[in-house]
Amino acid sequence: MSSSEASKTWLSQDAYDRLQAELDEAIANRPAIAAEINARREEGDLRENGGYHAAREEQGKAEGRILYLKELLRTSEVGEPPASGKVAPGSVVTIYFDDDQSDTETFLLGSREIASTTDLTVYSPESALGAAILDANEGQTVTYTAPSGADIKVTVVKAEPYQG
């Protein structure tokens, strides 16, 4: 898989539309934030003006979110989720840990941006677990290194398209 394919984020059309609407709203809100900064600037000494600094901080957060959303939407793949049987972004994956088949976990492998549209836990394909199981087939066992440094074995029980 090339690095450009790995950086793609699968989104349902609904999730894409919701994120596009958020981006449009954030861009439309820029003049209001600028007006707030100007209003706070008029209050006096900028070194001691908490309202001005709060407005500038809010502007920074909004601009950061705009850049993030633009990049996410630019690199997203919208449409039908991946096929069953192989783990890919947009898959609902069931795994079990350390050969304990009774202790399974089911989650969505995808962007955290779609977490608000599902009750499933969402793991990023860039996370340690997500990267380890990416492109794995059902029944395949993989090992990954957890942030604690421990090596963890997981077996993919099921991989099916997300129907959100």
N, C-alpha and C. Protein backbone atom coordinates (compact mmCIF):
# COMPACT_ATOMS: atom_id res chain seq x y z
N MET A 1 0.85 -1.18 0.00
CA MET A 1 0.00 0.00 0.00
C MET A 1 0.89 1.24 0.00
N SER A 2 0.63 2.17 -0.89
CA SER A 2 1.43 3.39 -0.95
C SER A 2 1.06 4.33 0.18
N SER A 3 1.92 5.30 0.44
CA SER A 3 1.64 6.23 1.54
C SER A 3 0.40 7.06 1.26
N SER A 4 0.11 7.33 -0.02
CA SER A 4 -1.10 8.11 -0.31
C SER A 4 -2.35 7.29 -0.04
N GLU A 5 -2.29 5.95 -0.29
CA GLU A 5 -3.43 5.11 0.03
C GLU A 5 -3.60 4.99 1.54
N ALA A 6 -2.49 4.91 2.27
CA ALA A 6 -2.55 4.76 3.72
C ALA A 6 -3.13 6.01 4.37
N SER A 7 -2.91 7.18 3.75
CA SER A 7 -3.39 8.41 4.36
C SER A 7 -4.85 8.72 3.99
N LYS A 8 -5.45 7.91 3.13
CA LYS A 8 -6.86 8.09 2.79
C LYS A 8 -7.73 7.74 3.99
N THR A 9 -8.79 8.49 4.17
CA THR A 9 -9.75 8.22 5.23
C THR A 9 -11.08 7.93 4.58
N TRP A 10 -11.64 6.75 4.87
CA TRP A 10 -12.94 6.42 4.32
C TRP A 10 -14.00 7.13 5.13
N LEU A 11 -14.94 7.77 4.44
CA LEU A 11 -16.08 8.43 5.08
C LEU A 11 -17.35 8.04 4.34
N SER A 12 -18.39 7.83 5.10
CA SER A 12 -19.69 7.65 4.47
C SER A 12 -20.11 8.99 3.89
N GLN A 13 -21.06 8.98 2.96
CA GLN A 13 -21.52 10.23 2.38
C GLN A 13 -22.11 11.14 3.46
N ASP A 14 -22.83 10.55 4.43
CA ASP A 14 -23.41 11.33 5.52
C ASP A 14 -22.32 12.01 6.35
N ALA A 15 -21.26 11.28 6.68
CA ALA A 15 -20.17 11.86 7.47
C ALA A 15 -19.46 12.95 6.68
N TYR A 16 -19.23 12.72 5.39
CA TYR A 16 -18.59 13.72 4.55
C TYR A 16 -19.44 15.00 4.51
N ASP A 17 -20.75 14.84 4.30
CA ASP A 17 -21.64 16.00 4.24
C ASP A 17 -21.66 16.76 5.56
N ARG A 18 -21.66 16.02 6.67
CA ARG A 18 -21.66 16.67 8.00
C ARG A 18 -20.37 17.46 8.21
N LEU A 19 -19.23 16.89 7.83
CA LEU A 19 -17.95 17.58 7.98
C LEU A 19 -17.85 18.78 7.04
N GLN A 20 -18.37 18.64 5.83
CA GLN A 20 -18.37 19.76 4.88
C GLN A 20 -19.22 20.91 5.43
N ALA A 21 -20.36 20.59 6.03
CA ALA A 21 -21.22 21.62 6.62
C ALA A 21 -20.51 22.31 7.79
N GLU A 22 -19.78 21.52 8.60
CA GLU A 22 -19.02 22.12 9.69
C GLU A 22 -17.94 23.06 9.16
N LEU A 23 -17.26 22.64 8.09
CA LEU A 23 -16.24 23.48 7.48
C LEU A 23 -16.86 24.77 6.93
N ASP A 24 -17.96 24.65 6.22
CA ASP A 24 -18.62 25.83 5.67
C ASP A 24 -19.03 26.80 6.77
N GLU A 25 -19.55 26.25 7.87
CA GLU A 25 -19.97 27.10 8.99
C GLU A 25 -18.76 27.79 9.64
N ALA A 26 -17.66 27.05 9.79
CA ALA A 26 -16.46 27.63 10.39
C ALA A 26 -15.90 28.75 9.52
N ILE A 27 -15.90 28.55 8.22
CA ILE A 27 -15.42 29.59 7.31
C ILE A 27 -16.34 30.80 7.35
N ALA A 28 -17.65 30.56 7.38
CA ALA A 28 -18.61 31.66 7.44
C ALA A 28 -18.51 32.43 8.75
N ASN A 29 -18.00 31.79 9.81
CA ASN A 29 -17.89 32.42 11.12
C ASN A 29 -16.62 33.27 11.26
N ARG A 30 -15.72 33.22 10.29
CA ARG A 30 -14.48 34.00 10.37
C ARG A 30 -14.72 35.49 10.59
N PRO A 31 -15.62 36.13 9.85
CA PRO A 31 -15.84 37.57 10.07
C PRO A 31 -16.32 37.89 11.49
N ALA A 32 -17.13 37.03 12.07
CA ALA A 32 -17.62 37.26 13.42
C ALA A 32 -16.48 37.20 14.43
N ILE A 33 -15.57 36.26 14.24
CA ILE A 33 -14.42 36.15 15.14
C ILE A 33 -13.51 37.37 14.97
N ALA A 34 -13.31 37.80 13.74
CA ALA A 34 -12.48 38.99 13.50
C ALA A 34 -13.12 40.23 14.13
N ALA A 35 -14.44 40.34 14.04
CA ALA A 35 -15.14 41.48 14.65
C ALA A 35 -14.99 41.44 16.16
N GLU A 36 -15.05 40.24 16.75
CA GLU A 36 -14.87 40.09 18.20
C GLU A 36 -13.46 40.54 18.62
N ILE A 37 -12.47 40.15 17.84
CA ILE A 37 -11.09 40.56 18.14
C ILE A 37 -10.97 42.07 18.07
N ASN A 38 -11.54 42.68 17.03
CA ASN A 38 -11.49 44.14 16.90
C ASN A 38 -12.20 44.83 18.05
N ALA A 39 -13.34 44.29 18.46
CA ALA A 39 -14.09 44.89 19.57
C ALA A 39 -13.27 44.81 20.86
N ARG A 40 -12.63 43.69 21.09
CA ARG A 40 -11.81 43.53 22.30
C ARG A 40 -10.56 44.39 22.24
N ARG A 41 -10.03 44.61 21.04
CA ARG A 41 -8.84 45.44 20.87
C ARG A 41 -9.14 46.89 21.29
N GLU A 42 -10.38 47.31 21.05
CA GLU A 42 -10.79 48.67 21.38
C GLU A 42 -10.88 48.91 22.89
N GLU A 43 -10.86 47.83 23.68
CA GLU A 43 -11.03 47.96 25.12
C GLU A 43 -9.80 48.50 25.83
N GLY A 44 -8.68 48.56 25.14
CA GLY A 44 -7.51 49.15 25.79
C GLY A 44 -6.26 48.30 25.68
N ASP A 45 -5.42 48.44 26.69
CA ASP A 45 -4.10 47.80 26.73
C ASP A 45 -4.19 46.30 26.45
N LEU A 46 -3.56 45.87 25.36
CA LEU A 46 -3.66 44.47 24.93
C LEU A 46 -2.93 43.52 25.87
N ARG A 47 -1.93 44.00 26.60
CA ARG A 47 -1.18 43.13 27.52
C ARG A 47 -2.05 42.66 28.68
N GLU A 48 -3.03 43.47 29.05
CA GLU A 48 -3.88 43.13 30.20
C GLU A 48 -5.34 42.89 29.78
N ASN A 49 -5.55 42.62 28.51
CA ASN A 49 -6.90 42.47 27.98
C ASN A 49 -7.20 40.98 27.78
N GLY A 50 -7.81 40.38 28.79
CA GLY A 50 -8.13 38.95 28.73
C GLY A 50 -9.12 38.61 27.64
N GLY A 51 -10.08 39.50 27.39
CA GLY A 51 -11.06 39.26 26.34
C GLY A 51 -10.42 39.21 24.96
N TYR A 52 -9.44 40.09 24.74
CA TYR A 52 -8.73 40.09 23.46
C TYR A 52 -7.95 38.80 23.28
N HIS A 53 -7.23 38.38 24.31
CA HIS A 53 -6.43 37.16 24.22
C HIS A 53 -7.32 35.92 24.05
N ALA A 54 -8.47 35.92 24.70
CA ALA A 54 -9.41 34.80 24.55
C ALA A 54 -9.95 34.75 23.13
N ALA A 55 -10.26 35.91 22.56
CA ALA A 55 -10.77 35.96 21.19
C ALA A 55 -9.70 35.51 20.20
N ARG A 56 -8.45 35.90 20.43
CA ARG A 56 -7.35 35.46 19.56
C ARG A 56 -7.14 33.95 19.67
N GLU A 57 -7.26 33.42 20.88
CA GLU A 57 -7.12 31.98 21.08
C GLU A 57 -8.24 31.24 20.36
N GLU A 58 -9.44 31.76 20.45
CA GLU A 58 -10.58 31.17 19.76
C GLU A 58 -10.35 31.19 18.24
N GLN A 59 -9.80 32.28 17.74
CA GLN A 59 -9.50 32.38 16.32
C GLN A 59 -8.47 31.31 15.92
N GLY A 60 -7.46 31.12 16.73
CA GLY A 60 -6.45 30.10 16.44
C GLY A 60 -7.04 28.70 16.40
N LYS A 61 -7.90 28.40 17.34
CA LYS A 61 -8.56 27.09 17.36
C LYS A 61 -9.44 26.90 16.12
N ALA A 62 -10.19 27.94 15.77
CA ALA A 62 -11.07 27.86 14.60
C ALA A 62 -10.26 27.66 13.33
N GLU A 63 -9.17 28.39 13.18
CA GLU A 63 -8.33 28.25 11.98
C GLU A 63 -7.68 26.87 11.92
N GLY A 64 -7.27 26.35 13.07
CA GLY A 64 -6.72 25.01 13.12
C GLY A 64 -7.74 23.97 12.69
N ARG A 65 -8.97 24.12 13.15
CA ARG A 65 -10.04 23.19 12.79
C ARG A 65 -10.35 23.28 11.30
N ILE A 66 -10.34 24.51 10.77
CA ILE A 66 -10.59 24.69 9.33
C ILE A 66 -9.52 23.97 8.51
N LEU A 67 -8.26 24.14 8.87
CA LEU A 67 -7.17 23.47 8.15
C LEU A 67 -7.30 21.95 8.25
N TYR A 68 -7.63 21.46 9.46
CA TYR A 68 -7.79 20.02 9.66
C TYR A 68 -8.92 19.47 8.79
N LEU A 69 -10.07 20.15 8.80
CA LEU A 69 -11.22 19.68 8.03
C LEU A 69 -10.93 19.72 6.53
N LYS A 70 -10.27 20.77 6.07
CA LYS A 70 -9.93 20.85 4.64
C LYS A 70 -9.07 19.67 4.23
N GLU A 71 -8.06 19.35 5.03
CA GLU A 71 -7.16 18.25 4.71
C GLU A 71 -7.89 16.91 4.80
N LEU A 72 -8.71 16.73 5.82
CA LEU A 72 -9.46 15.49 5.98
C LEU A 72 -10.38 15.26 4.79
N LEU A 73 -11.10 16.28 4.39
CA LEU A 73 -12.03 16.15 3.27
C LEU A 73 -11.28 15.96 1.95
N ARG A 74 -10.13 16.61 1.82
CA ARG A 74 -9.32 16.47 0.60
C ARG A 74 -8.80 15.05 0.44
N THR A 75 -8.43 14.41 1.54
CA THR A 75 -7.83 13.09 1.47
C THR A 75 -8.82 11.96 1.76
N SER A 76 -10.09 12.30 1.87
CA SER A 76 -11.06 11.25 2.20
C SER A 76 -11.51 10.51 0.95
N GLU A 77 -11.95 9.31 1.19
CA GLU A 77 -12.55 8.49 0.15
C GLU A 77 -14.00 8.31 0.54
N VAL A 78 -14.89 8.80 -0.28
CA VAL A 78 -16.31 8.80 0.03
C VAL A 78 -17.01 7.76 -0.83
N GLY A 79 -17.93 7.09 -0.23
CA GLY A 79 -18.71 6.14 -1.02
C GLY A 79 -18.92 4.85 -0.29
N GLU A 80 -18.89 3.78 -1.05
CA GLU A 80 -19.16 2.47 -0.50
C GLU A 80 -18.01 2.01 0.39
N PRO A 81 -18.33 1.41 1.51
CA PRO A 81 -17.29 0.90 2.39
C PRO A 81 -16.58 -0.29 1.76
N PRO A 82 -15.45 -0.66 2.33
CA PRO A 82 -14.69 -1.79 1.79
C PRO A 82 -15.47 -3.10 1.89
N ALA A 83 -15.01 -4.08 1.15
CA ALA A 83 -15.67 -5.40 1.13
C ALA A 83 -15.44 -6.15 2.43
N SER A 84 -16.28 -7.14 2.68
CA SER A 84 -16.14 -7.99 3.86
C SER A 84 -14.91 -8.89 3.74
N GLY A 85 -14.40 -9.32 4.89
CA GLY A 85 -13.35 -10.31 4.92
C GLY A 85 -11.95 -9.78 5.06
N LYS A 86 -11.71 -8.53 4.71
CA LYS A 86 -10.38 -7.93 4.80
C LYS A 86 -10.49 -6.60 5.53
N VAL A 87 -9.59 -6.36 6.48
CA VAL A 87 -9.63 -5.13 7.27
C VAL A 87 -9.14 -3.96 6.43
N ALA A 88 -9.94 -2.91 6.39
CA ALA A 88 -9.61 -1.68 5.68
C ALA A 88 -10.28 -0.53 6.41
N PRO A 89 -9.83 0.70 6.19
CA PRO A 89 -10.55 1.83 6.79
C PRO A 89 -12.02 1.77 6.37
N GLY A 90 -12.90 1.92 7.33
CA GLY A 90 -14.33 1.81 7.07
C GLY A 90 -14.89 0.45 7.42
N SER A 91 -14.05 -0.42 7.97
CA SER A 91 -14.50 -1.75 8.37
C SER A 91 -14.91 -1.77 9.83
N VAL A 92 -15.95 -2.54 10.13
CA VAL A 92 -16.27 -2.88 11.51
C VAL A 92 -15.53 -4.19 11.76
N VAL A 93 -14.63 -4.16 12.74
CA VAL A 93 -13.72 -5.28 12.96
C VAL A 93 -13.98 -5.89 14.33
N THR A 94 -14.02 -7.21 14.37
CA THR A 94 -14.09 -7.94 15.63
C THR A 94 -12.80 -8.71 15.77
N ILE A 95 -12.14 -8.55 16.92
CA ILE A 95 -10.87 -9.23 17.20
C ILE A 95 -10.95 -9.91 18.55
N TYR A 96 -10.01 -10.81 18.79
CA TYR A 96 -9.80 -11.29 20.15
C TYR A 96 -8.31 -11.21 20.46
N PHE A 97 -8.01 -11.04 21.75
CA PHE A 97 -6.65 -10.83 22.22
C PHE A 97 -6.05 -12.11 22.75
N ASP A 98 -4.76 -12.29 22.53
CA ASP A 98 -3.96 -13.35 23.17
C ASP A 98 -4.64 -14.71 23.17
N ASP A 99 -5.21 -15.07 22.06
CA ASP A 99 -5.84 -16.39 21.91
C ASP A 99 -6.97 -16.66 22.90
N ASP A 100 -7.55 -15.62 23.49
CA ASP A 100 -8.71 -15.78 24.37
C ASP A 100 -9.95 -15.47 23.54
N GLN A 101 -10.48 -16.47 22.90
CA GLN A 101 -11.58 -16.28 21.96
C GLN A 101 -12.86 -15.80 22.61
N SER A 102 -12.95 -15.93 23.92
CA SER A 102 -14.17 -15.48 24.59
C SER A 102 -14.14 -13.97 24.86
N ASP A 103 -12.98 -13.35 24.74
CA ASP A 103 -12.84 -11.91 25.02
C ASP A 103 -12.67 -11.16 23.71
N THR A 104 -13.78 -10.90 23.02
CA THR A 104 -13.70 -10.20 21.74
C THR A 104 -13.98 -8.71 21.92
N GLU A 105 -13.53 -7.96 20.95
CA GLU A 105 -13.78 -6.52 20.92
C GLU A 105 -14.17 -6.16 19.49
N THR A 106 -15.22 -5.36 19.36
CA THR A 106 -15.68 -4.91 18.05
C THR A 106 -15.57 -3.40 18.00
N PHE A 107 -15.03 -2.90 16.89
CA PHE A 107 -14.81 -1.46 16.74
C PHE A 107 -14.82 -1.10 15.26
N LEU A 108 -14.87 0.19 14.99
CA LEU A 108 -14.81 0.72 13.64
C LEU A 108 -13.39 1.21 13.39
N LEU A 109 -12.80 0.78 12.30
CA LEU A 109 -11.48 1.27 11.91
C LEU A 109 -11.70 2.44 10.97
N GLY A 110 -11.43 3.63 11.43
CA GLY A 110 -11.67 4.80 10.60
C GLY A 110 -11.32 6.08 11.31
N SER A 111 -11.78 7.17 10.76
CA SER A 111 -11.51 8.50 11.30
C SER A 111 -12.30 8.74 12.58
N ARG A 112 -11.67 9.36 13.52
CA ARG A 112 -12.37 9.71 14.76
C ARG A 112 -13.51 10.70 14.49
N GLU A 113 -13.47 11.33 13.33
CA GLU A 113 -14.52 12.28 12.97
C GLU A 113 -15.88 11.60 12.83
N ILE A 114 -15.89 10.30 12.54
CA ILE A 114 -17.18 9.63 12.41
C ILE A 114 -17.62 9.00 13.72
N ALA A 115 -16.84 9.21 14.78
CA ALA A 115 -17.19 8.64 16.09
C ALA A 115 -18.53 9.16 16.58
N SER A 116 -18.88 10.39 16.25
CA SER A 116 -20.14 10.95 16.72
C SER A 116 -21.34 10.38 15.97
N THR A 117 -21.09 9.63 14.90
CA THR A 117 -22.19 9.08 14.12
C THR A 117 -22.45 7.61 14.43
N THR A 118 -21.71 7.05 15.41
CA THR A 118 -21.85 5.64 15.74
C THR A 118 -21.65 5.41 17.23
N ASP A 119 -22.21 4.31 17.71
CA ASP A 119 -21.99 3.92 19.11
C ASP A 119 -20.74 3.07 19.24
N LEU A 120 -20.15 2.68 18.12
CA LEU A 120 -18.94 1.86 18.15
C LEU A 120 -17.73 2.67 18.60
N THR A 121 -16.80 2.01 19.24
CA THR A 121 -15.50 2.63 19.50
C THR A 121 -14.82 2.76 18.14
N VAL A 122 -14.08 3.84 17.93
CA VAL A 122 -13.40 4.07 16.66
C VAL A 122 -11.90 4.08 16.90
N TYR A 123 -11.19 3.25 16.15
CA TYR A 123 -9.73 3.23 16.17
C TYR A 123 -9.22 3.77 14.85
N SER A 124 -8.20 4.58 14.92
CA SER A 124 -7.58 5.14 13.73
C SER A 124 -6.72 4.07 13.06
N PRO A 125 -6.67 4.08 11.73
CA PRO A 125 -5.75 3.17 11.04
C PRO A 125 -4.29 3.46 11.36
N GLU A 126 -4.00 4.64 11.88
CA GLU A 126 -2.63 5.00 12.25
C GLU A 126 -2.28 4.58 13.67
N SER A 127 -3.26 4.14 14.47
CA SER A 127 -2.97 3.68 15.83
C SER A 127 -2.17 2.38 15.75
N ALA A 128 -1.57 1.99 16.85
CA ALA A 128 -0.77 0.76 16.85
C ALA A 128 -1.60 -0.45 16.44
N LEU A 129 -2.78 -0.59 17.03
CA LEU A 129 -3.66 -1.71 16.68
C LEU A 129 -4.15 -1.57 15.25
N GLY A 130 -4.60 -0.38 14.88
CA GLY A 130 -5.12 -0.17 13.53
C GLY A 130 -4.11 -0.47 12.45
N ALA A 131 -2.88 -0.01 12.64
CA ALA A 131 -1.83 -0.26 11.65
C ALA A 131 -1.50 -1.74 11.55
N ALA A 132 -1.55 -2.45 12.68
CA ALA A 132 -1.22 -3.88 12.69
C ALA A 132 -2.26 -4.71 11.95
N ILE A 133 -3.52 -4.36 12.09
CA ILE A 133 -4.57 -5.19 11.47
C ILE A 133 -4.96 -4.72 10.08
N LEU A 134 -4.50 -3.55 9.66
CA LEU A 134 -4.84 -3.02 8.35
C LEU A 134 -4.42 -4.03 7.28
N ASP A 135 -5.31 -4.36 6.39
CA ASP A 135 -5.12 -5.33 5.31
C ASP A 135 -5.08 -6.77 5.77
N ALA A 136 -5.33 -7.04 7.06
CA ALA A 136 -5.38 -8.43 7.53
C ALA A 136 -6.70 -9.06 7.09
N ASN A 137 -6.67 -10.36 6.89
CA ASN A 137 -7.86 -11.11 6.52
C ASN A 137 -8.48 -11.74 7.76
N GLU A 138 -9.76 -12.07 7.66
CA GLU A 138 -10.42 -12.77 8.76
C GLU A 138 -9.65 -14.05 9.07
N GLY A 139 -9.45 -14.31 10.36
CA GLY A 139 -8.72 -15.49 10.80
C GLY A 139 -7.22 -15.27 10.95
N GLN A 140 -6.72 -14.15 10.47
CA GLN A 140 -5.29 -13.85 10.54
C GLN A 140 -4.93 -13.31 11.92
N THR A 141 -3.77 -13.76 12.46
CA THR A 141 -3.26 -13.28 13.74
C THR A 141 -2.08 -12.36 13.47
N VAL A 142 -2.07 -11.21 14.13
CA VAL A 142 -0.98 -10.25 13.99
C VAL A 142 -0.50 -9.85 15.38
N THR A 143 0.71 -9.35 15.45
CA THR A 143 1.28 -8.86 16.70
C THR A 143 1.60 -7.38 16.52
N TYR A 144 1.31 -6.60 17.54
CA TYR A 144 1.67 -5.19 17.52
C TYR A 144 2.25 -4.80 18.86
N THR A 145 2.98 -3.70 18.87
CA THR A 145 3.57 -3.20 20.10
C THR A 145 2.68 -2.09 20.64
N ALA A 146 2.19 -2.29 21.85
CA ALA A 146 1.35 -1.30 22.52
C ALA A 146 2.20 -0.11 22.97
N PRO A 147 1.59 1.02 23.25
CA PRO A 147 2.34 2.18 23.74
C PRO A 147 3.16 1.86 25.00
N SER A 148 2.72 0.87 25.78
CA SER A 148 3.45 0.48 26.99
C SER A 148 4.72 -0.29 26.66
N GLY A 149 4.85 -0.72 25.38
CA GLY A 149 6.01 -1.49 24.97
C GLY A 149 5.74 -2.98 24.91
N ALA A 150 4.59 -3.41 25.39
CA ALA A 150 4.24 -4.84 25.38
C ALA A 150 3.83 -5.27 23.98
N ASP A 151 4.24 -6.49 23.60
CA ASP A 151 3.79 -7.06 22.34
C ASP A 151 2.46 -7.76 22.57
N ILE A 152 1.49 -7.46 21.75
CA ILE A 152 0.14 -7.99 21.91
C ILE A 152 -0.27 -8.70 20.62
N LYS A 153 -0.78 -9.92 20.78
CA LYS A 153 -1.27 -10.69 19.64
C LYS A 153 -2.78 -10.57 19.58
N VAL A 154 -3.28 -10.30 18.38
CA VAL A 154 -4.72 -10.25 18.15
C VAL A 154 -5.05 -11.06 16.90
N THR A 155 -6.23 -11.63 16.91
CA THR A 155 -6.71 -12.37 15.74
C THR A 155 -7.97 -11.67 15.23
N VAL A 156 -8.00 -11.44 13.93
CA VAL A 156 -9.18 -10.84 13.31
C VAL A 156 -10.24 -11.92 13.17
N VAL A 157 -11.37 -11.73 13.83
CA VAL A 157 -12.47 -12.67 13.77
C VAL A 157 -13.37 -12.33 12.59
N LYS A 158 -13.65 -11.03 12.45
CA LYS A 158 -14.60 -10.61 11.41
C LYS A 158 -14.24 -9.20 10.96
N ALA A 159 -14.40 -8.95 9.68
CA ALA A 159 -14.24 -7.61 9.10
C ALA A 159 -15.37 -7.42 8.11
N GLU A 160 -16.22 -6.43 8.38
CA GLU A 160 -17.36 -6.19 7.49
C GLU A 160 -17.53 -4.70 7.30
N PRO A 161 -18.19 -4.30 6.23
CA PRO A 161 -18.36 -2.87 5.96
C PRO A 161 -19.22 -2.19 7.04
N TYR A 162 -18.85 -0.97 7.34
CA TYR A 162 -19.63 -0.15 8.27
C TYR A 162 -20.89 0.31 7.53
N GLN A 163 -22.00 0.15 8.15
CA GLN A 163 -23.28 0.52 7.54
C GLN A 163 -23.90 1.73 8.22
N GLY A 164 -23.09 2.73 8.54
CA GLY A 164 -23.59 3.90 9.26
C GLY A 164 -24.16 4.86 8.39
